Amino acid sequence: AMSLEEEEPLDLGDDPSFRVFGENEMSLIGRLLNPECQSMARMIDYMPTAWRVVGRIRGIALSRDRFQFIFQREEDLQTVLKDRPWSYNHWTLALERWTEHPDEDFLKSMMLWVRIRNIPVNFFMTKTMFKLASEVGLVEEIAYDPEISHTKEYIRAFIKFNVENPLKASRKLTIPGEVVTIEYE
């Protein structure tokens, strides 16, 4: 006999036996950004190999798109964080270190380097690069020094990218006399 009446919420209170704090301190929480194309079970099986931590880590599916990896060694966890972003099945994974009280943007953004190409020569300056990078995310750093030689056909920008926004591969830029296409990678 099922009932449609609302029950009182189950209360676990402050009983520490219901919580896992010590183990969580050595873990990452992650989010699949395209769960339709990313199998949770296969990703949990595969990522320890990609991270070279097989046998020193275990994964847990928390929901359809959220997961946790618990590490045995702090240095393994730090290496995985340092080498972000990671991807599985051609889609990026949002990864953060576990925290008891995450910020409201937890797993909604990630720090990444973006390459910006085709900046017109007359606009090749830091202010222009900052403006172009801000089209993709919140700019933390522009890797360009106007006082030294620049050998790459792109500039790099370190940005905080909101994973809920679509990625941009290009952007039209109007300059006096023409429209050029700026490319992002």
N, C-alpha and C. Protein backbone atom coordinates (compact mmCIF):
# COMPACT_ATOMS: atom_id res chain seq x y z
N ALA A 1 0.85 -1.18 0.00
CA ALA A 1 0.00 0.00 0.00
C ALA A 1 0.89 1.23 0.00
N MET A 2 0.81 1.97 -1.08
CA MET A 2 1.59 3.19 -1.20
C MET A 2 0.74 4.36 -0.76
N SER A 3 1.40 5.38 -0.23
CA SER A 3 0.69 6.56 0.24
C SER A 3 1.22 7.79 -0.48
N LEU A 4 0.33 8.72 -0.79
CA LEU A 4 0.72 9.99 -1.41
C LEU A 4 0.98 11.06 -0.37
N GLU A 5 0.80 10.72 0.88
CA GLU A 5 1.00 11.71 1.95
C GLU A 5 2.49 11.95 2.16
N GLU A 6 2.81 13.16 2.50
CA GLU A 6 4.19 13.59 2.73
C GLU A 6 4.67 13.07 4.08
N GLU A 7 5.84 12.44 4.10
CA GLU A 7 6.43 11.99 5.35
C GLU A 7 7.39 13.04 5.88
N GLU A 8 7.64 12.99 7.15
CA GLU A 8 8.66 13.86 7.74
C GLU A 8 10.02 13.42 7.21
N PRO A 9 10.95 14.36 6.97
CA PRO A 9 12.28 13.97 6.50
C PRO A 9 13.01 13.11 7.53
N LEU A 10 13.77 12.17 7.05
CA LEU A 10 14.62 11.36 7.91
C LEU A 10 15.74 12.24 8.43
N ASP A 11 16.01 12.22 9.72
CA ASP A 11 17.00 13.09 10.33
C ASP A 11 18.18 12.27 10.84
N LEU A 12 19.35 12.51 10.26
CA LEU A 12 20.56 11.83 10.73
C LEU A 12 21.25 12.62 11.82
N GLY A 13 20.82 13.86 12.03
CA GLY A 13 21.38 14.69 13.10
C GLY A 13 22.87 14.90 12.95
N ASP A 14 23.54 15.07 14.07
CA ASP A 14 24.99 15.30 14.08
C ASP A 14 25.77 14.03 14.40
N ASP A 15 25.15 12.89 14.27
CA ASP A 15 25.81 11.63 14.57
C ASP A 15 26.99 11.41 13.62
N PRO A 16 28.23 11.45 14.13
CA PRO A 16 29.40 11.32 13.25
C PRO A 16 29.52 9.95 12.60
N SER A 17 28.83 8.96 13.11
CA SER A 17 28.93 7.63 12.51
C SER A 17 28.25 7.56 11.14
N PHE A 18 27.47 8.58 10.77
CA PHE A 18 26.83 8.62 9.47
C PHE A 18 27.67 9.35 8.42
N ARG A 19 28.80 9.95 8.83
CA ARG A 19 29.59 10.77 7.91
C ARG A 19 30.97 10.18 7.65
N VAL A 20 31.50 10.54 6.49
CA VAL A 20 32.83 10.09 6.09
C VAL A 20 33.69 11.33 5.83
N PHE A 21 34.39 11.80 6.85
CA PHE A 21 35.23 12.98 6.67
C PHE A 21 36.68 12.62 6.39
N GLY A 22 37.25 11.75 7.20
CA GLY A 22 38.66 11.42 7.05
C GLY A 22 38.99 10.89 5.67
N GLU A 23 38.21 9.97 5.16
CA GLU A 23 38.44 9.39 3.85
C GLU A 23 38.22 10.43 2.74
N ASN A 24 37.23 11.29 2.91
CA ASN A 24 36.93 12.29 1.88
C ASN A 24 38.04 13.33 1.72
N GLU A 25 38.82 13.55 2.75
CA GLU A 25 39.89 14.54 2.66
C GLU A 25 40.91 14.19 1.59
N MET A 26 40.99 12.93 1.22
CA MET A 26 41.93 12.47 0.19
C MET A 26 41.16 12.10 -1.08
N SER A 27 40.18 12.94 -1.44
CA SER A 27 39.37 12.58 -2.60
C SER A 27 39.10 13.77 -3.52
N LEU A 28 38.74 13.41 -4.74
CA LEU A 28 38.29 14.37 -5.75
C LEU A 28 36.81 14.12 -5.99
N ILE A 29 36.08 15.19 -6.21
CA ILE A 29 34.70 15.10 -6.65
C ILE A 29 34.70 15.58 -8.09
N GLY A 30 33.95 14.90 -8.94
CA GLY A 30 33.93 15.27 -10.34
C GLY A 30 32.54 15.25 -10.93
N ARG A 31 32.49 15.79 -12.13
CA ARG A 31 31.22 15.90 -12.85
C ARG A 31 31.46 15.58 -14.32
N LEU A 32 30.66 14.68 -14.87
CA LEU A 32 30.67 14.43 -16.31
C LEU A 32 29.96 15.60 -16.97
N LEU A 33 30.56 16.19 -17.98
CA LEU A 33 29.94 17.34 -18.63
C LEU A 33 28.99 16.94 -19.74
N ASN A 34 29.05 15.70 -20.18
CA ASN A 34 28.10 15.19 -21.17
C ASN A 34 27.79 13.74 -20.84
N PRO A 35 26.95 13.49 -19.82
CA PRO A 35 26.69 12.11 -19.39
C PRO A 35 26.04 11.23 -20.45
N GLU A 36 25.42 11.83 -21.48
CA GLU A 36 24.86 11.03 -22.56
C GLU A 36 25.97 10.35 -23.37
N CYS A 37 27.14 10.96 -23.42
CA CYS A 37 28.26 10.43 -24.20
C CYS A 37 29.37 9.85 -23.32
N GLN A 38 29.25 9.97 -22.04
CA GLN A 38 30.28 9.51 -21.11
C GLN A 38 29.68 8.47 -20.17
N SER A 39 30.07 7.23 -20.32
CA SER A 39 29.59 6.17 -19.43
C SER A 39 30.28 6.31 -18.08
N MET A 40 29.49 6.47 -17.03
CA MET A 40 30.05 6.61 -15.68
C MET A 40 30.88 5.39 -15.31
N ALA A 41 30.35 4.19 -15.52
CA ALA A 41 31.06 2.97 -15.13
C ALA A 41 32.38 2.83 -15.88
N ARG A 42 32.36 3.08 -17.17
CA ARG A 42 33.59 2.97 -17.96
C ARG A 42 34.60 4.04 -17.57
N MET A 43 34.12 5.26 -17.29
CA MET A 43 35.03 6.33 -16.88
C MET A 43 35.70 5.96 -15.56
N ILE A 44 34.93 5.44 -14.60
CA ILE A 44 35.50 5.05 -13.30
C ILE A 44 36.54 3.94 -13.48
N ASP A 45 36.31 3.03 -14.40
CA ASP A 45 37.29 1.98 -14.67
C ASP A 45 38.53 2.51 -15.38
N TYR A 46 38.35 3.49 -16.28
CA TYR A 46 39.44 3.97 -17.12
C TYR A 46 40.36 5.00 -16.45
N MET A 47 39.82 5.95 -15.72
CA MET A 47 40.63 7.08 -15.24
C MET A 47 41.82 6.68 -14.36
N PRO A 48 41.73 5.66 -13.50
CA PRO A 48 42.95 5.27 -12.76
C PRO A 48 44.11 4.91 -13.68
N THR A 49 43.82 4.31 -14.84
CA THR A 49 44.87 3.99 -15.81
C THR A 49 45.44 5.28 -16.41
N ALA A 50 44.57 6.19 -16.81
CA ALA A 50 45.02 7.47 -17.39
C ALA A 50 45.86 8.25 -16.39
N TRP A 51 45.49 8.17 -15.12
CA TRP A 51 46.20 8.91 -14.07
C TRP A 51 47.41 8.15 -13.53
N ARG A 52 47.59 6.90 -13.98
CA ARG A 52 48.69 6.03 -13.52
C ARG A 52 48.64 5.80 -12.00
N VAL A 53 47.45 5.51 -11.51
CA VAL A 53 47.28 5.26 -10.07
C VAL A 53 46.50 3.96 -9.83
N VAL A 54 46.56 3.03 -10.78
CA VAL A 54 45.83 1.77 -10.64
C VAL A 54 46.26 1.07 -9.35
N GLY A 55 45.26 0.63 -8.59
CA GLY A 55 45.52 -0.04 -7.32
C GLY A 55 45.67 0.90 -6.13
N ARG A 56 45.75 2.21 -6.39
CA ARG A 56 45.91 3.19 -5.30
C ARG A 56 44.73 4.16 -5.23
N ILE A 57 43.63 3.80 -5.89
CA ILE A 57 42.49 4.71 -5.99
C ILE A 57 41.23 3.87 -6.16
N ARG A 58 40.11 4.41 -5.73
CA ARG A 58 38.83 3.77 -6.03
C ARG A 58 37.81 4.85 -6.37
N GLY A 59 36.93 4.51 -7.29
CA GLY A 59 35.92 5.45 -7.76
C GLY A 59 34.54 5.06 -7.28
N ILE A 60 33.69 6.08 -7.11
CA ILE A 60 32.31 5.87 -6.66
C ILE A 60 31.40 6.74 -7.52
N ALA A 61 30.38 6.12 -8.12
CA ALA A 61 29.36 6.88 -8.85
C ALA A 61 28.40 7.44 -7.81
N LEU A 62 28.29 8.77 -7.74
CA LEU A 62 27.41 9.42 -6.76
C LEU A 62 26.03 9.71 -7.33
N SER A 63 25.97 9.97 -8.63
CA SER A 63 24.71 10.25 -9.31
C SER A 63 24.95 9.98 -10.79
N ARG A 64 24.02 10.37 -11.61
CA ARG A 64 24.16 10.17 -13.06
C ARG A 64 25.37 10.91 -13.63
N ASP A 65 25.69 12.07 -13.05
CA ASP A 65 26.80 12.86 -13.59
C ASP A 65 27.87 13.23 -12.57
N ARG A 66 27.73 12.83 -11.31
CA ARG A 66 28.72 13.15 -10.27
C ARG A 66 29.42 11.89 -9.79
N PHE A 67 30.71 12.03 -9.47
CA PHE A 67 31.50 10.89 -9.02
C PHE A 67 32.56 11.35 -8.03
N GLN A 68 33.16 10.37 -7.36
CA GLN A 68 34.21 10.65 -6.40
C GLN A 68 35.32 9.63 -6.62
N PHE A 69 36.59 10.08 -6.52
CA PHE A 69 37.73 9.19 -6.51
C PHE A 69 38.46 9.40 -5.20
N ILE A 70 38.68 8.31 -4.49
CA ILE A 70 39.36 8.36 -3.20
C ILE A 70 40.78 7.82 -3.40
N PHE A 71 41.76 8.62 -3.02
CA PHE A 71 43.16 8.31 -3.23
C PHE A 71 43.79 7.77 -1.95
N GLN A 72 44.82 6.95 -2.11
CA GLN A 72 45.60 6.47 -0.97
C GLN A 72 46.76 7.40 -0.66
N ARG A 73 47.25 8.11 -1.70
CA ARG A 73 48.43 8.96 -1.53
C ARG A 73 48.14 10.40 -1.95
N GLU A 74 48.54 11.33 -1.11
CA GLU A 74 48.36 12.76 -1.39
C GLU A 74 49.07 13.17 -2.68
N GLU A 75 50.26 12.64 -2.94
CA GLU A 75 51.00 13.03 -4.14
C GLU A 75 50.27 12.61 -5.42
N ASP A 76 49.56 11.50 -5.40
CA ASP A 76 48.76 11.10 -6.56
C ASP A 76 47.63 12.09 -6.80
N LEU A 77 46.94 12.44 -5.73
CA LEU A 77 45.83 13.40 -5.83
C LEU A 77 46.34 14.74 -6.37
N GLN A 78 47.47 15.21 -5.86
CA GLN A 78 48.03 16.49 -6.30
C GLN A 78 48.44 16.44 -7.77
N THR A 79 49.00 15.31 -8.22
CA THR A 79 49.39 15.18 -9.62
C THR A 79 48.18 15.26 -10.53
N VAL A 80 47.10 14.59 -10.17
CA VAL A 80 45.87 14.63 -10.98
C VAL A 80 45.34 16.05 -11.04
N LEU A 81 45.31 16.75 -9.91
CA LEU A 81 44.82 18.14 -9.90
C LEU A 81 45.71 19.05 -10.74
N LYS A 82 47.01 18.88 -10.62
CA LYS A 82 47.95 19.75 -11.33
C LYS A 82 47.85 19.58 -12.84
N ASP A 83 47.55 18.37 -13.29
CA ASP A 83 47.51 18.10 -14.73
C ASP A 83 46.14 18.31 -15.35
N ARG A 84 45.23 18.96 -14.65
CA ARG A 84 43.90 19.25 -15.22
C ARG A 84 44.03 20.20 -16.40
N PRO A 85 43.08 20.22 -17.31
CA PRO A 85 41.84 19.47 -17.34
C PRO A 85 42.04 18.06 -17.89
N TRP A 86 41.20 17.15 -17.45
CA TRP A 86 41.18 15.77 -17.91
C TRP A 86 39.92 15.55 -18.73
N SER A 87 39.97 14.58 -19.63
CA SER A 87 38.79 14.28 -20.42
C SER A 87 38.57 12.78 -20.46
N TYR A 88 37.35 12.42 -20.76
CA TYR A 88 36.99 11.02 -20.99
C TYR A 88 36.01 10.98 -22.15
N ASN A 89 36.29 10.12 -23.12
CA ASN A 89 35.45 9.97 -24.31
C ASN A 89 35.25 11.31 -25.03
N HIS A 90 36.33 12.07 -25.15
CA HIS A 90 36.38 13.33 -25.89
C HIS A 90 35.60 14.46 -25.22
N TRP A 91 35.23 14.31 -23.96
CA TRP A 91 34.53 15.37 -23.21
C TRP A 91 35.28 15.60 -21.91
N THR A 92 35.39 16.86 -21.53
CA THR A 92 36.11 17.23 -20.33
C THR A 92 35.37 16.78 -19.08
N LEU A 93 36.16 16.51 -18.03
CA LEU A 93 35.63 16.21 -16.71
C LEU A 93 35.90 17.42 -15.81
N ALA A 94 34.91 17.86 -15.08
CA ALA A 94 35.13 18.90 -14.07
C ALA A 94 35.59 18.18 -12.81
N LEU A 95 36.74 18.58 -12.27
CA LEU A 95 37.31 17.93 -11.08
C LEU A 95 37.71 18.97 -10.06
N GLU A 96 37.40 18.70 -8.81
CA GLU A 96 37.82 19.56 -7.70
C GLU A 96 38.14 18.68 -6.50
N ARG A 97 38.99 19.18 -5.66
CA ARG A 97 39.26 18.47 -4.41
C ARG A 97 38.02 18.56 -3.53
N TRP A 98 37.72 17.48 -2.84
CA TRP A 98 36.57 17.44 -1.93
C TRP A 98 36.72 18.53 -0.87
N THR A 99 35.62 19.14 -0.53
CA THR A 99 35.55 20.08 0.57
C THR A 99 34.23 19.87 1.29
N GLU A 100 34.25 20.03 2.58
CA GLU A 100 33.04 19.79 3.37
C GLU A 100 31.91 20.75 3.00
N HIS A 101 32.27 22.00 2.74
CA HIS A 101 31.27 23.02 2.38
C HIS A 101 31.68 23.68 1.07
N PRO A 102 31.31 23.07 -0.07
CA PRO A 102 31.73 23.63 -1.37
C PRO A 102 31.05 24.96 -1.69
N ASP A 103 31.75 25.79 -2.49
CA ASP A 103 31.19 27.05 -2.97
C ASP A 103 30.01 26.78 -3.89
N GLU A 104 29.22 27.81 -4.15
CA GLU A 104 28.05 27.62 -5.02
C GLU A 104 28.44 27.30 -6.46
N ASP A 105 29.67 27.67 -6.89
CA ASP A 105 30.09 27.35 -8.26
C ASP A 105 30.95 26.08 -8.33
N PHE A 106 30.90 25.26 -7.28
CA PHE A 106 31.65 24.01 -7.23
C PHE A 106 31.26 23.12 -8.42
N LEU A 107 32.24 22.70 -9.19
CA LEU A 107 32.09 21.86 -10.39
C LEU A 107 31.31 22.55 -11.51
N LYS A 108 31.18 23.87 -11.44
CA LYS A 108 30.53 24.63 -12.51
C LYS A 108 31.54 25.44 -13.31
N SER A 109 32.79 25.42 -12.86
CA SER A 109 33.81 26.14 -13.60
C SER A 109 35.12 25.38 -13.50
N MET A 110 36.03 25.73 -14.40
CA MET A 110 37.36 25.13 -14.37
C MET A 110 38.37 26.13 -14.91
N MET A 111 39.58 26.00 -14.42
CA MET A 111 40.66 26.83 -14.90
C MET A 111 41.32 26.13 -16.08
N LEU A 112 41.53 26.87 -17.17
CA LEU A 112 42.19 26.27 -18.32
C LEU A 112 42.89 27.32 -19.16
N TRP A 113 43.85 26.83 -19.94
CA TRP A 113 44.59 27.68 -20.87
C TRP A 113 43.88 27.64 -22.21
N VAL A 114 43.72 28.79 -22.82
CA VAL A 114 43.09 28.92 -24.14
C VAL A 114 44.12 29.56 -25.08
N ARG A 115 44.19 29.02 -26.29
CA ARG A 115 45.02 29.64 -27.32
C ARG A 115 44.12 30.52 -28.18
N ILE A 116 44.60 31.72 -28.46
CA ILE A 116 43.85 32.66 -29.30
C ILE A 116 44.69 32.95 -30.54
N ARG A 117 44.09 32.74 -31.71
CA ARG A 117 44.80 32.88 -32.98
C ARG A 117 44.17 33.97 -33.85
N ASN A 118 44.95 34.46 -34.80
CA ASN A 118 44.53 35.42 -35.83
C ASN A 118 44.27 36.83 -35.30
N ILE A 119 45.00 37.24 -34.31
CA ILE A 119 44.88 38.62 -33.83
C ILE A 119 45.55 39.53 -34.86
N PRO A 120 44.84 40.50 -35.38
CA PRO A 120 45.43 41.39 -36.39
C PRO A 120 46.67 42.13 -35.84
N VAL A 121 47.65 42.28 -36.69
CA VAL A 121 48.93 42.86 -36.28
C VAL A 121 48.78 44.23 -35.62
N ASN A 122 47.88 45.07 -36.12
CA ASN A 122 47.71 46.41 -35.55
C ASN A 122 47.00 46.40 -34.20
N PHE A 123 46.54 45.24 -33.78
CA PHE A 123 45.83 45.10 -32.50
C PHE A 123 46.53 44.11 -31.58
N PHE A 124 47.77 43.76 -31.91
CA PHE A 124 48.52 42.77 -31.14
C PHE A 124 49.09 43.42 -29.89
N MET A 125 48.21 43.61 -28.92
CA MET A 125 48.62 44.20 -27.65
C MET A 125 47.84 43.54 -26.51
N THR A 126 48.35 43.64 -25.33
CA THR A 126 47.80 42.95 -24.17
C THR A 126 46.34 43.31 -23.92
N LYS A 127 45.96 44.56 -24.07
CA LYS A 127 44.58 44.98 -23.83
C LYS A 127 43.62 44.26 -24.79
N THR A 128 44.01 44.14 -26.06
CA THR A 128 43.19 43.42 -27.04
C THR A 128 43.09 41.95 -26.67
N MET A 129 44.21 41.35 -26.30
CA MET A 129 44.24 39.94 -25.93
C MET A 129 43.34 39.67 -24.73
N PHE A 130 43.38 40.58 -23.76
CA PHE A 130 42.53 40.46 -22.57
C PHE A 130 41.05 40.50 -22.98
N LYS A 131 40.70 41.43 -23.86
CA LYS A 131 39.31 41.55 -24.33
C LYS A 131 38.86 40.29 -25.06
N LEU A 132 39.73 39.76 -25.93
CA LEU A 132 39.39 38.55 -26.67
C LEU A 132 39.25 37.34 -25.74
N ALA A 133 40.13 37.21 -24.77
CA ALA A 133 40.07 36.10 -23.82
C ALA A 133 38.83 36.19 -22.94
N SER A 134 38.41 37.41 -22.62
CA SER A 134 37.23 37.57 -21.75
C SER A 134 35.94 37.13 -22.44
N GLU A 135 35.98 36.92 -23.76
CA GLU A 135 34.83 36.36 -24.47
C GLU A 135 34.60 34.90 -24.10
N VAL A 136 35.63 34.25 -23.59
CA VAL A 136 35.55 32.82 -23.26
C VAL A 136 35.35 32.61 -21.76
N GLY A 137 35.96 33.44 -20.94
CA GLY A 137 35.84 33.27 -19.50
C GLY A 137 36.48 34.40 -18.74
N LEU A 138 36.56 34.24 -17.43
CA LEU A 138 37.15 35.24 -16.55
C LEU A 138 38.68 35.12 -16.65
N VAL A 139 39.32 36.17 -17.12
CA VAL A 139 40.76 36.12 -17.41
C VAL A 139 41.57 36.24 -16.12
N GLU A 140 42.49 35.27 -15.95
CA GLU A 140 43.41 35.28 -14.81
C GLU A 140 44.79 35.77 -15.25
N GLU A 141 45.18 35.40 -16.47
CA GLU A 141 46.53 35.73 -16.94
C GLU A 141 46.58 35.71 -18.46
N ILE A 142 47.33 36.64 -19.03
CA ILE A 142 47.65 36.64 -20.46
C ILE A 142 49.14 36.31 -20.54
N ALA A 143 49.49 35.22 -21.23
CA ALA A 143 50.89 34.80 -21.33
C ALA A 143 51.54 35.47 -22.54
N TYR A 144 51.78 36.75 -22.39
CA TYR A 144 52.41 37.52 -23.46
C TYR A 144 53.21 38.65 -22.84
N ASP A 145 54.44 38.80 -23.29
CA ASP A 145 55.30 39.88 -22.83
C ASP A 145 55.71 40.68 -24.07
N PRO A 146 55.25 41.92 -24.20
CA PRO A 146 55.57 42.71 -25.40
C PRO A 146 57.05 43.09 -25.51
N GLU A 147 57.83 42.82 -24.47
CA GLU A 147 59.25 43.19 -24.47
C GLU A 147 60.16 42.08 -24.98
N ILE A 148 59.60 40.88 -25.24
CA ILE A 148 60.46 39.78 -25.71
C ILE A 148 59.88 39.19 -27.01
N SER A 149 60.71 38.42 -27.72
CA SER A 149 60.27 37.79 -28.96
C SER A 149 59.12 36.83 -28.68
N HIS A 150 58.25 36.74 -29.67
CA HIS A 150 57.08 35.86 -29.57
C HIS A 150 57.12 34.92 -30.76
N THR A 151 57.33 33.62 -30.54
CA THR A 151 57.56 32.68 -31.63
C THR A 151 56.35 31.83 -32.02
N LYS A 152 55.29 31.90 -31.29
CA LYS A 152 54.10 31.10 -31.58
C LYS A 152 53.09 31.92 -32.38
N GLU A 153 52.24 31.23 -33.13
CA GLU A 153 51.22 31.91 -33.93
C GLU A 153 49.94 32.16 -33.14
N TYR A 154 50.03 32.05 -31.85
CA TYR A 154 48.89 32.26 -30.96
C TYR A 154 49.39 32.87 -29.66
N ILE A 155 48.47 33.40 -28.90
CA ILE A 155 48.80 33.80 -27.53
C ILE A 155 47.98 32.89 -26.62
N ARG A 156 48.42 32.77 -25.39
CA ARG A 156 47.70 31.94 -24.42
C ARG A 156 47.10 32.81 -23.33
N ALA A 157 45.91 32.40 -22.89
CA ALA A 157 45.25 33.08 -21.78
C ALA A 157 44.78 32.02 -20.79
N PHE A 158 45.01 32.27 -19.52
CA PHE A 158 44.55 31.38 -18.45
C PHE A 158 43.23 31.95 -17.95
N ILE A 159 42.16 31.17 -18.08
CA ILE A 159 40.83 31.68 -17.75
C ILE A 159 40.08 30.74 -16.82
N LYS A 160 39.09 31.30 -16.15
CA LYS A 160 38.13 30.52 -15.39
C LYS A 160 36.91 30.38 -16.29
N PHE A 161 36.69 29.14 -16.75
CA PHE A 161 35.64 28.87 -17.72
C PHE A 161 34.42 28.29 -17.03
N ASN A 162 33.25 28.87 -17.28
CA ASN A 162 31.98 28.36 -16.76
C ASN A 162 31.55 27.21 -17.66
N VAL A 163 31.54 25.98 -17.13
CA VAL A 163 31.26 24.80 -17.95
C VAL A 163 29.81 24.73 -18.41
N GLU A 164 28.96 25.58 -17.88
CA GLU A 164 27.57 25.59 -18.30
C GLU A 164 27.36 26.49 -19.52
N ASN A 165 28.40 27.22 -19.94
CA ASN A 165 28.34 28.03 -21.16
C ASN A 165 28.89 27.22 -22.32
N PRO A 166 28.41 27.47 -23.53
CA PRO A 166 28.96 26.74 -24.68
C PRO A 166 30.38 27.22 -24.98
N LEU A 167 31.19 26.30 -25.50
CA LEU A 167 32.54 26.66 -25.94
C LEU A 167 32.46 27.45 -27.23
N LYS A 168 33.43 28.33 -27.44
CA LYS A 168 33.50 29.10 -28.68
C LYS A 168 34.74 28.66 -29.43
N ALA A 169 34.57 28.29 -30.69
CA ALA A 169 35.71 27.95 -31.52
C ALA A 169 36.23 29.18 -32.25
N SER A 170 35.34 30.17 -32.44
CA SER A 170 35.75 31.38 -33.13
C SER A 170 34.82 32.53 -32.75
N ARG A 171 35.25 33.73 -33.12
CA ARG A 171 34.46 34.94 -32.84
C ARG A 171 34.80 35.95 -33.91
N LYS A 172 33.78 36.57 -34.48
CA LYS A 172 34.00 37.63 -35.47
C LYS A 172 34.43 38.89 -34.72
N LEU A 173 35.38 39.59 -35.30
CA LEU A 173 35.90 40.82 -34.72
C LEU A 173 35.88 41.90 -35.79
N THR A 174 35.20 42.98 -35.50
CA THR A 174 35.14 44.10 -36.44
C THR A 174 36.27 45.07 -36.09
N ILE A 175 37.09 45.34 -37.09
CA ILE A 175 38.14 46.35 -36.95
C ILE A 175 37.95 47.32 -38.11
N PRO A 176 38.52 48.51 -38.04
CA PRO A 176 38.31 49.47 -39.13
C PRO A 176 38.64 48.88 -40.51
N GLY A 177 37.61 48.84 -41.35
CA GLY A 177 37.79 48.40 -42.73
C GLY A 177 37.57 46.92 -43.00
N GLU A 178 37.42 46.09 -41.96
CA GLU A 178 37.21 44.66 -42.22
C GLU A 178 36.66 43.92 -40.99
N VAL A 179 36.25 42.69 -41.24
CA VAL A 179 35.82 41.78 -40.19
C VAL A 179 36.76 40.58 -40.25
N VAL A 180 37.38 40.24 -39.11
CA VAL A 180 38.28 39.09 -39.05
C VAL A 180 37.70 38.04 -38.10
N THR A 181 38.15 36.82 -38.26
CA THR A 181 37.71 35.73 -37.39
C THR A 181 38.83 35.36 -36.44
N ILE A 182 38.55 35.51 -35.17
CA ILE A 182 39.48 35.12 -34.11
C ILE A 182 39.16 33.66 -33.79
N GLU A 183 40.20 32.83 -33.64
CA GLU A 183 39.98 31.41 -33.32
C GLU A 183 40.44 31.11 -31.91
N TYR A 184 39.67 30.25 -31.24
CA TYR A 184 39.98 29.81 -29.88
C TYR A 184 40.24 28.30 -29.88
N GLU A 185 41.24 27.90 -29.12
CA GLU A 185 41.53 26.48 -28.97
C GLU A 185 41.77 26.20 -27.50
